[in-house]
Protein backbone atom coordinates (compact mmCIF):
# COMPACT_ATOMS: atom_id res chain seq x y z
CA MET A 1 221.76 40.77 -60.83
CA THR A 2 223.89 43.40 -59.19
CA SER A 3 223.26 47.09 -59.35
CA ASN A 4 226.21 47.72 -61.68
CA SER A 5 225.11 45.12 -64.24
CA SER A 6 221.54 46.40 -63.99
CA ASP A 7 222.73 49.95 -64.65
CA LEU A 8 224.81 48.81 -67.61
CA ARG A 9 221.85 46.92 -69.03
CA GLY A 10 219.69 50.02 -68.72
CA ILE A 11 222.30 52.19 -70.43
CA ILE A 12 222.63 49.75 -73.31
CA LEU A 13 218.86 49.45 -73.77
CA MET A 14 218.47 53.24 -73.74
CA ALA A 15 221.28 53.70 -76.28
CA VAL A 16 219.78 51.08 -78.61
CA ALA A 17 216.33 52.66 -78.33
CA MET A 18 217.62 56.17 -78.96
CA LEU A 19 219.60 55.00 -81.99
CA GLY A 20 216.60 53.10 -83.31
CA VAL A 21 214.29 56.10 -83.57
CA PRO A 22 216.43 58.13 -86.01
CA MET A 23 217.23 54.97 -87.98
CA VAL A 24 213.54 54.24 -88.50
CA ASP A 25 212.92 57.87 -89.49
CA GLY A 26 215.79 57.75 -91.98
CA ILE A 27 214.51 54.53 -93.53
CA ALA A 28 211.02 56.04 -93.79
CA LYS A 29 212.40 59.12 -95.56
CA TYR A 30 214.36 56.94 -97.97
CA LEU A 31 211.31 54.80 -98.73
CA SER A 32 209.03 57.82 -99.18
CA ALA A 33 210.53 58.38 -102.64
CA ASP A 34 208.98 55.11 -103.86
CA TYR A 35 206.10 54.26 -101.51
CA SER A 36 202.99 56.06 -100.30
CA PRO A 37 202.94 57.58 -96.80
CA LEU A 38 200.03 55.30 -95.90
CA PHE A 39 202.09 52.18 -96.66
CA ILE A 40 205.13 53.52 -94.79
CA GLY A 41 203.03 54.31 -91.72
CA TRP A 42 201.39 50.89 -91.83
CA ALA A 43 204.76 49.14 -92.26
CA ARG A 44 206.33 51.01 -89.32
CA TYR A 45 203.56 49.94 -86.95
CA ALA A 46 203.41 46.39 -88.35
CA VAL A 47 207.14 45.88 -87.78
CA ALA A 48 206.93 47.43 -84.31
CA SER A 49 204.07 45.05 -83.47
CA LEU A 50 206.09 42.07 -84.69
CA ILE A 51 208.81 43.09 -82.24
CA VAL A 52 206.72 44.11 -79.23
CA ILE A 53 204.00 41.43 -79.13
CA PRO A 54 206.37 38.43 -78.78
CA LEU A 55 208.34 40.26 -76.09
CA ALA A 56 205.18 41.11 -74.18
CA TYR A 57 203.97 37.53 -74.50
CA ARG A 58 207.30 36.23 -73.25
CA TYR A 59 207.12 38.33 -70.09
CA HIS A 60 203.37 38.27 -69.42
CA GLY A 61 201.95 35.27 -71.26
CA MET A 62 198.22 35.14 -71.78
CA ARG A 63 197.68 37.47 -68.82
CA MET A 64 198.08 40.41 -71.19
CA PHE A 65 194.79 39.41 -72.82
CA ARG A 66 192.62 39.28 -69.70
CA ARG A 67 188.98 40.04 -70.09
CA SER A 68 187.55 42.96 -68.23
CA SER A 69 184.89 42.13 -65.65
CA GLY A 70 182.09 40.40 -67.53
CA SER A 71 182.96 41.90 -70.90
CA ARG A 72 183.23 39.77 -74.01
CA ILE A 73 185.67 42.19 -75.61
CA TRP A 74 189.41 41.76 -75.03
CA CYS A 75 191.05 44.48 -72.95
CA ALA A 76 193.97 46.53 -74.12
CA PRO A 77 197.18 44.62 -73.36
CA ARG A 78 198.40 45.13 -69.82
CA PHE A 79 202.16 45.54 -69.66
CA TRP A 80 202.65 45.90 -65.92
């Protein structure tokens, strides 16, 4: 991938992300007339998880669920 196409990809991703934040806030305000704040907060994070977890799995596979040294508890996902 050349530098120009990489730059363009970054610009597009940034624009989509920056447009997504106000859209989610607007939808939450609209839904707040009918639903409780607890449900809206839960739904926002549930939808975000449904988007992020498959992407993280695609790029990192099961490595994102490595165990810490000797621990039986799963570590926080590692995204680097």
